[in-house]
Amino acid sequence: MRQNGNKKCSQCGIEFYCNANQIDQCHCSTVILTTEQQELLKQCYDDCLCNSCLMKIEKNTDNKSKL
């Protein structure tokens, strides 16, 4: 189980608060990613991304481009 707390975004390095233990209250629960985007994230990163990076990925319709 992932822990709540301050984390650094695996993509951009900014610090943010992760609320993984109450996922419905975490910033990431507002971002809707395709299954393909989610799988690509799992392959590229070991930990959470900040809301800004997740929103950029959500808006990216070309899933094959860089995250």
PDB file of N, CA and C in Angstrom:
ATOM      1  N   MET A   1       0.842  -1.179   0.000  1.00  0.00           N
ATOM      2  CA  MET A   1       0.000   0.000   0.000  1.00  0.00           C
ATOM      3  C   MET A   1       0.886   1.240   0.000  1.00  0.00           C
ATOM      4  N   ARG A   2       0.555   2.183  -0.856  1.00  0.00           N
ATOM      5  CA  ARG A   2       1.298   3.441  -0.903  1.00  0.00           C
ATOM      6  C   ARG A   2       0.937   4.295   0.293  1.00  0.00           C
ATOM      7  N   GLN A   3       1.855   5.110   0.690  1.00  0.00           N
ATOM      8  CA  GLN A   3       1.668   5.952   1.864  1.00  0.00           C
ATOM      9  C   GLN A   3       1.321   7.380   1.479  1.00  0.00           C
ATOM     10  N   ASN A   4       0.495   8.044   2.304  1.00  0.00           N
ATOM     11  CA  ASN A   4       0.242   9.463   2.142  1.00  0.00           C
ATOM     12  C   ASN A   4       1.504  10.230   2.481  1.00  0.00           C
ATOM     13  N   GLY A   5       1.641  11.403   1.912  1.00  0.00           N
ATOM     14  CA  GLY A   5       2.753  12.255   2.295  1.00  0.00           C
ATOM     15  C   GLY A   5       3.297  13.043   1.124  1.00  0.00           C
ATOM     16  N   ASN A   6       4.330  13.828   1.431  1.00  0.00           N
ATOM     17  CA  ASN A   6       4.973  14.619   0.402  1.00  0.00           C
ATOM     18  C   ASN A   6       5.801  13.716  -0.489  1.00  0.00           C
ATOM     19  N   LYS A   7       5.691  13.958  -1.788  1.00  0.00           N
ATOM     20  CA  LYS A   7       6.445  13.193  -2.780  1.00  0.00           C
ATOM     21  C   LYS A   7       7.005  14.161  -3.801  1.00  0.00           C
ATOM     22  N   LYS A   8       7.975  13.668  -4.565  1.00  0.00           N
ATOM     23  CA  LYS A   8       8.473  14.414  -5.714  1.00  0.00           C
ATOM     24  C   LYS A   8       7.922  13.735  -6.951  1.00  0.00           C
ATOM     25  N   CYS A   9       7.403  14.540  -7.869  1.00  0.00           N
ATOM     26  CA  CYS A   9       6.850  14.022  -9.105  1.00  0.00           C
ATOM     27  C   CYS A   9       7.933  13.263  -9.858  1.00  0.00           C
ATOM     28  N   SER A  10       7.604  12.070 -10.285  1.00  0.00           N
ATOM     29  CA  SER A  10       8.554  11.233 -11.015  1.00  0.00           C
ATOM     30  C   SER A  10       8.904  11.802 -12.385  1.00  0.00           C
ATOM     31  N   GLN A  11       8.090  12.725 -12.884  1.00  0.00           N
ATOM     32  CA  GLN A  11       8.361  13.305 -14.195  1.00  0.00           C
ATOM     33  C   GLN A  11       9.064  14.657 -14.111  1.00  0.00           C
ATOM     34  N   CYS A  12       8.518  15.593 -13.344  1.00  0.00           N
ATOM     35  CA  CYS A  12       9.075  16.954 -13.336  1.00  0.00           C
ATOM     36  C   CYS A  12       9.875  17.304 -12.086  1.00  0.00           C
ATOM     37  N   GLY A  13       9.709  16.518 -11.008  1.00  0.00           N
ATOM     38  CA  GLY A  13      10.486  16.733  -9.792  1.00  0.00           C
ATOM     39  C   GLY A  13       9.873  17.691  -8.784  1.00  0.00           C
ATOM     40  N   ILE A  14       8.717  18.277  -9.096  1.00  0.00           N
ATOM     41  CA  ILE A  14       8.075  19.191  -8.151  1.00  0.00           C
ATOM     42  C   ILE A  14       7.552  18.400  -6.948  1.00  0.00           C
ATOM     43  N   GLU A  15       7.574  19.022  -5.776  1.00  0.00           N
ATOM     44  CA  GLU A  15       7.055  18.359  -4.583  1.00  0.00           C
ATOM     45  C   GLU A  15       5.553  18.581  -4.492  1.00  0.00           C
ATOM     46  N   PHE A  16       4.821  17.524  -4.109  1.00  0.00           N
ATOM     47  CA  PHE A  16       3.376  17.612  -3.951  1.00  0.00           C
ATOM     48  C   PHE A  16       2.937  16.649  -2.862  1.00  0.00           C
ATOM     49  N   TYR A  17       1.696  16.811  -2.404  1.00  0.00           N
ATOM     50  CA  TYR A  17       1.147  15.918  -1.384  1.00  0.00           C
ATOM     51  C   TYR A  17       0.341  14.814  -2.051  1.00  0.00           C
ATOM     52  N   CYS A  18       0.671  13.584  -1.733  1.00  0.00           N
ATOM     53  CA  CYS A  18      -0.027  12.414  -2.248  1.00  0.00           C
ATOM     54  C   CYS A  18      -0.968  11.896  -1.155  1.00  0.00           C
ATOM     55  N   ASN A  19      -2.200  11.653  -1.531  1.00  0.00           N
ATOM     56  CA  ASN A  19      -3.203  11.167  -0.588  1.00  0.00           C
ATOM     57  C   ASN A  19      -3.684   9.776  -1.013  1.00  0.00           C
ATOM     58  N   ALA A  20      -2.728   8.883  -1.260  1.00  0.00           N
ATOM     59  CA  ALA A  20      -3.026   7.558  -1.814  1.00  0.00           C
ATOM     60  C   ALA A  20      -3.919   6.705  -0.923  1.00  0.00           C
ATOM     61  N   ASN A  21      -3.853   6.894   0.376  1.00  0.00           N
ATOM     62  CA  ASN A  21      -4.679   6.086   1.272  1.00  0.00           C
ATOM     63  C   ASN A  21      -6.153   6.494   1.248  1.00  0.00           C
ATOM     64  N   GLN A  22      -6.428   7.684   0.735  1.00  0.00           N
ATOM     65  CA  GLN A  22      -7.802   8.156   0.530  1.00  0.00           C
ATOM     66  C   GLN A  22      -7.873   8.644  -0.914  1.00  0.00           C
ATOM     67  N   ILE A  23      -7.751   7.699  -1.831  1.00  0.00           N
ATOM     68  CA  ILE A  23      -7.569   8.005  -3.247  1.00  0.00           C
ATOM     69  C   ILE A  23      -8.669   8.890  -3.808  1.00  0.00           C
ATOM     70  N   ASP A  24      -9.880   8.785  -3.294  1.00  0.00           N
ATOM     71  CA  ASP A  24     -10.971   9.630  -3.783  1.00  0.00           C
ATOM     72  C   ASP A  24     -10.765  11.095  -3.422  1.00  0.00           C
ATOM     73  N   GLN A  25      -9.844  11.370  -2.493  1.00  0.00           N
ATOM     74  CA  GLN A  25      -9.532  12.736  -2.102  1.00  0.00           C
ATOM     75  C   GLN A  25      -8.182  13.198  -2.639  1.00  0.00           C
ATOM     76  N   CYS A  26      -7.530  12.365  -3.423  1.00  0.00           N
ATOM     77  CA  CYS A  26      -6.221  12.697  -3.978  1.00  0.00           C
ATOM     78  C   CYS A  26      -6.400  13.437  -5.303  1.00  0.00           C
ATOM     79  N   HIS A  27      -5.464  14.313  -5.615  1.00  0.00           N
ATOM     80  CA  HIS A  27      -5.539  15.088  -6.851  1.00  0.00           C
ATOM     81  C   HIS A  27      -5.613  14.199  -8.091  1.00  0.00           C
ATOM     82  N   CYS A  28      -5.015  13.047  -8.034  1.00  0.00           N
ATOM     83  CA  CYS A  28      -4.978  12.180  -9.216  1.00  0.00           C
ATOM     84  C   CYS A  28      -6.342  11.586  -9.547  1.00  0.00           C
ATOM     85  N   SER A  29      -7.258  11.572  -8.594  1.00  0.00           N
ATOM     86  CA  SER A  29      -8.575  10.980  -8.854  1.00  0.00           C
ATOM     87  C   SER A  29      -9.410  11.831  -9.799  1.00  0.00           C
ATOM     88  N   THR A  30      -9.003  13.066 -10.045  1.00  0.00           N
ATOM     89  CA  THR A  30      -9.753  13.946 -10.950  1.00  0.00           C
ATOM     90  C   THR A  30      -9.277  13.827 -12.396  1.00  0.00           C
ATOM     91  N   VAL A  31      -8.184  13.109 -12.618  1.00  0.00           N
ATOM     92  CA  VAL A  31      -7.610  12.965 -13.956  1.00  0.00           C
ATOM     93  C   VAL A  31      -8.071  11.645 -14.559  1.00  0.00           C
ATOM     94  N   ILE A  32      -8.604  11.706 -15.778  1.00  0.00           N
ATOM     95  CA  ILE A  32      -9.104  10.517 -16.456  1.00  0.00           C
ATOM     96  C   ILE A  32      -8.124  10.131 -17.565  1.00  0.00           C
ATOM     97  N   LEU A  33      -7.449   9.003 -17.373  1.00  0.00           N
ATOM     98  CA  LEU A  33      -6.477   8.516 -18.354  1.00  0.00           C
ATOM     99  C   LEU A  33      -7.021   7.265 -19.038  1.00  0.00           C
ATOM    100  N   THR A  34      -6.654   7.101 -20.285  1.00  0.00           N
ATOM    101  CA  THR A  34      -7.034   5.881 -20.994  1.00  0.00           C
ATOM    102  C   THR A  34      -6.246   4.710 -20.418  1.00  0.00           C
ATOM    103  N   THR A  35      -6.700   3.520 -20.708  1.00  0.00           N
ATOM    104  CA  THR A  35      -5.983   2.321 -20.276  1.00  0.00           C
ATOM    105  C   THR A  35      -4.570   2.319 -20.862  1.00  0.00           C
ATOM    106  N   GLU A  36      -4.463   2.731 -22.107  1.00  0.00           N
ATOM    107  CA  GLU A  36      -3.152   2.782 -22.764  1.00  0.00           C
ATOM    108  C   GLU A  36      -2.219   3.775 -22.068  1.00  0.00           C
ATOM    109  N   GLN A  37      -2.734   4.938 -21.688  1.00  0.00           N
ATOM    110  CA  GLN A  37      -1.930   5.925 -20.967  1.00  0.00           C
ATOM    111  C   GLN A  37      -1.497   5.380 -19.604  1.00  0.00           C
ATOM    112  N   GLN A  38      -2.408   4.714 -18.908  1.00  0.00           N
ATOM    113  CA  GLN A  38      -2.078   4.148 -17.600  1.00  0.00           C
ATOM    114  C   GLN A  38      -0.978   3.101 -17.717  1.00  0.00           C
ATOM    115  N   GLU A  39      -1.065   2.245 -18.716  1.00  0.00           N
ATOM    116  CA  GLU A  39      -0.042   1.210 -18.913  1.00  0.00           C
ATOM    117  C   GLU A  39       1.315   1.835 -19.234  1.00  0.00           C
ATOM    118  N   LEU A  40       1.312   2.881 -20.054  1.00  0.00           N
ATOM    119  CA  LEU A  40       2.558   3.562 -20.391  1.00  0.00           C
ATOM    120  C   LEU A  40       3.186   4.197 -19.147  1.00  0.00           C
ATOM    121  N   LEU A  41       2.354   4.778 -18.296  1.00  0.00           N
ATOM    122  CA  LEU A  41       2.856   5.363 -17.052  1.00  0.00           C
ATOM    123  C   LEU A  41       3.483   4.290 -16.159  1.00  0.00           C
ATOM    124  N   LYS A  42       2.836   3.147 -16.059  1.00  0.00           N
ATOM    125  CA  LYS A  42       3.366   2.043 -15.244  1.00  0.00           C
ATOM    126  C   LYS A  42       4.732   1.589 -15.750  1.00  0.00           C
ATOM    127  N   GLN A  43       4.916   1.614 -17.073  1.00  0.00           N
ATOM    128  CA  GLN A  43       6.184   1.198 -17.668  1.00  0.00           C
ATOM    129  C   GLN A  43       7.291   2.229 -17.447  1.00  0.00           C
ATOM    130  N   CYS A  44       6.905   3.504 -17.388  1.00  0.00           N
ATOM    131  CA  CYS A  44       7.902   4.584 -17.342  1.00  0.00           C
ATOM    132  C   CYS A  44       8.243   5.069 -15.936  1.00  0.00           C
ATOM    133  N   TYR A  45       7.329   4.930 -14.991  1.00  0.00           N
ATOM    134  CA  TYR A  45       7.516   5.517 -13.661  1.00  0.00           C
ATOM    135  C   TYR A  45       7.232   4.513 -12.554  1.00  0.00           C
ATOM    136  N   ASP A  46       7.969   4.645 -11.462  1.00  0.00           N
ATOM    137  CA  ASP A  46       7.769   3.779 -10.305  1.00  0.00           C
ATOM    138  C   ASP A  46       6.863   4.391  -9.250  1.00  0.00           C
ATOM    139  N   ASP A  47       6.602   5.701  -9.365  1.00  0.00           N
ATOM    140  CA  ASP A  47       5.842   6.374  -8.320  1.00  0.00           C
ATOM    141  C   ASP A  47       4.915   7.421  -8.934  1.00  0.00           C
ATOM    142  N   CYS A  48       4.282   8.189  -8.092  1.00  0.00           N
ATOM    143  CA  CYS A  48       3.257   9.152  -8.489  1.00  0.00           C
ATOM    144  C   CYS A  48       3.797  10.318  -9.311  1.00  0.00           C
ATOM    145  N   LEU A  49       2.880  10.929 -10.065  1.00  0.00           N
ATOM    146  CA  LEU A  49       3.150  12.157 -10.791  1.00  0.00           C
ATOM    147  C   LEU A  49       2.271  13.259 -10.212  1.00  0.00           C
ATOM    148  N   CYS A  50       2.725  14.492 -10.336  1.00  0.00           N
ATOM    149  CA  CYS A  50       1.950  15.630  -9.843  1.00  0.00           C
ATOM    150  C   CYS A  50       0.728  15.849 -10.733  1.00  0.00           C
ATOM    151  N   ASN A  51      -0.205  16.630 -10.246  1.00  0.00           N
ATOM    152  CA  ASN A  51      -1.435  16.885 -10.970  1.00  0.00           C
ATOM    153  C   ASN A  51      -1.170  17.560 -12.312  1.00  0.00           C
ATOM    154  N   SER A  52      -0.236  18.479 -12.362  1.00  0.00           N
ATOM    155  CA  SER A  52       0.084  19.184 -13.599  1.00  0.00           C
ATOM    156  C   SER A  52       0.559  18.215 -14.684  1.00  0.00           C
ATOM    157  N   CYS A  53       1.454  17.320 -14.330  1.00  0.00           N
ATOM    158  CA  CYS A  53       1.958  16.337 -15.299  1.00  0.00           C
ATOM    159  C   CYS A  53       0.862  15.366 -15.716  1.00  0.00           C
ATOM    160  N   LEU A  54       0.038  14.943 -14.771  1.00  0.00           N
ATOM    161  CA  LEU A  54      -1.069  14.038 -15.106  1.00  0.00           C
ATOM    162  C   LEU A  54      -2.062  14.707 -16.045  1.00  0.00           C
ATOM    163  N   MET A  55      -2.338  15.986 -15.822  1.00  0.00           N
ATOM    164  CA  MET A  55      -3.278  16.698 -16.684  1.00  0.00           C
ATOM    165  C   MET A  55      -2.716  16.865 -18.096  1.00  0.00           C
ATOM    166  N   LYS A  56      -1.416  17.079 -18.211  1.00  0.00           N
ATOM    167  CA  LYS A  56      -0.792  17.170 -19.533  1.00  0.00           C
ATOM    168  C   LYS A  56      -0.927  15.842 -20.274  1.00  0.00           C
ATOM    169  N   ILE A  57      -0.739  14.752 -19.562  1.00  0.00           N
ATOM    170  CA  ILE A  57      -0.863  13.425 -20.171  1.00  0.00           C
ATOM    171  C   ILE A  57      -2.317  13.164 -20.559  1.00  0.00           C
ATOM    172  N   GLU A  58      -3.240  13.573 -19.690  1.00  0.00           N
ATOM    173  CA  GLU A  58      -4.666  13.385 -19.971  1.00  0.00           C
ATOM    174  C   GLU A  58      -5.059  14.097 -21.271  1.00  0.00           C
ATOM    175  N   LYS A  59      -4.517  15.295 -21.489  1.00  0.00           N
ATOM    176  CA  LYS A  59      -4.855  16.076 -22.680  1.00  0.00           C
ATOM    177  C   LYS A  59      -4.156  15.562 -23.934  1.00  0.00           C
ATOM    178  N   ASN A  60      -3.115  14.771 -23.758  1.00  0.00           N
ATOM    179  CA  ASN A  60      -2.347  14.248 -24.881  1.00  0.00           C
ATOM    180  C   ASN A  60      -3.114  13.083 -25.508  1.00  0.00           C
ATOM    181  N   THR A  61      -3.559  13.275 -26.727  1.00  0.00           N
ATOM    182  CA  THR A  61      -4.311  12.209 -27.398  1.00  0.00           C
ATOM    183  C   THR A  61      -3.412  11.260 -28.165  1.00  0.00           C
ATOM    184  N   ASP A  62      -2.144  11.637 -28.353  1.00  0.00           N
ATOM    185  CA  ASP A  62      -1.192  10.776 -29.033  1.00  0.00           C
ATOM    186  C   ASP A  62      -0.407  10.009 -27.978  1.00  0.00           C
ATOM    187  N   ASN A  63      -0.920   8.860 -27.550  1.00  0.00           N
ATOM    188  CA  ASN A  63      -0.338   8.103 -26.443  1.00  0.00           C
ATOM    189  C   ASN A  63       1.075   7.615 -26.717  1.00  0.00           C
ATOM    190  N   LYS A  64       1.485   7.583 -27.965  1.00  0.00           N
ATOM    191  CA  LYS A  64       2.808   7.084 -28.281  1.00  0.00           C
ATOM    192  C   LYS A  64       3.879   8.160 -28.111  1.00  0.00           C
ATOM    193  N   SER A  65       3.471   9.414 -27.974  1.00  0.00           N
ATOM    194  CA  SER A  65       4.462  10.466 -27.784  1.00  0.00           C
ATOM    195  C   SER A  65       4.995  10.421 -26.363  1.00  0.00           C
ATOM    196  N   LYS A  66       6.054  11.147 -26.136  1.00  0.00           N
ATOM    197  CA  LYS A  66       6.675  11.091 -24.800  1.00  0.00           C
ATOM    198  C   LYS A  66       5.720  11.570 -23.728  1.00  0.00           C
ATOM    199  N   LEU A  67       5.859  11.003 -22.572  1.00  0.00           N
ATOM    200  CA  LEU A  67       5.053  11.411 -21.429  1.00  0.00           C
ATOM    201  C   LEU A  67       5.699  12.627 -20.872  1.00  0.00           C
TER     202      LEU A  67
END
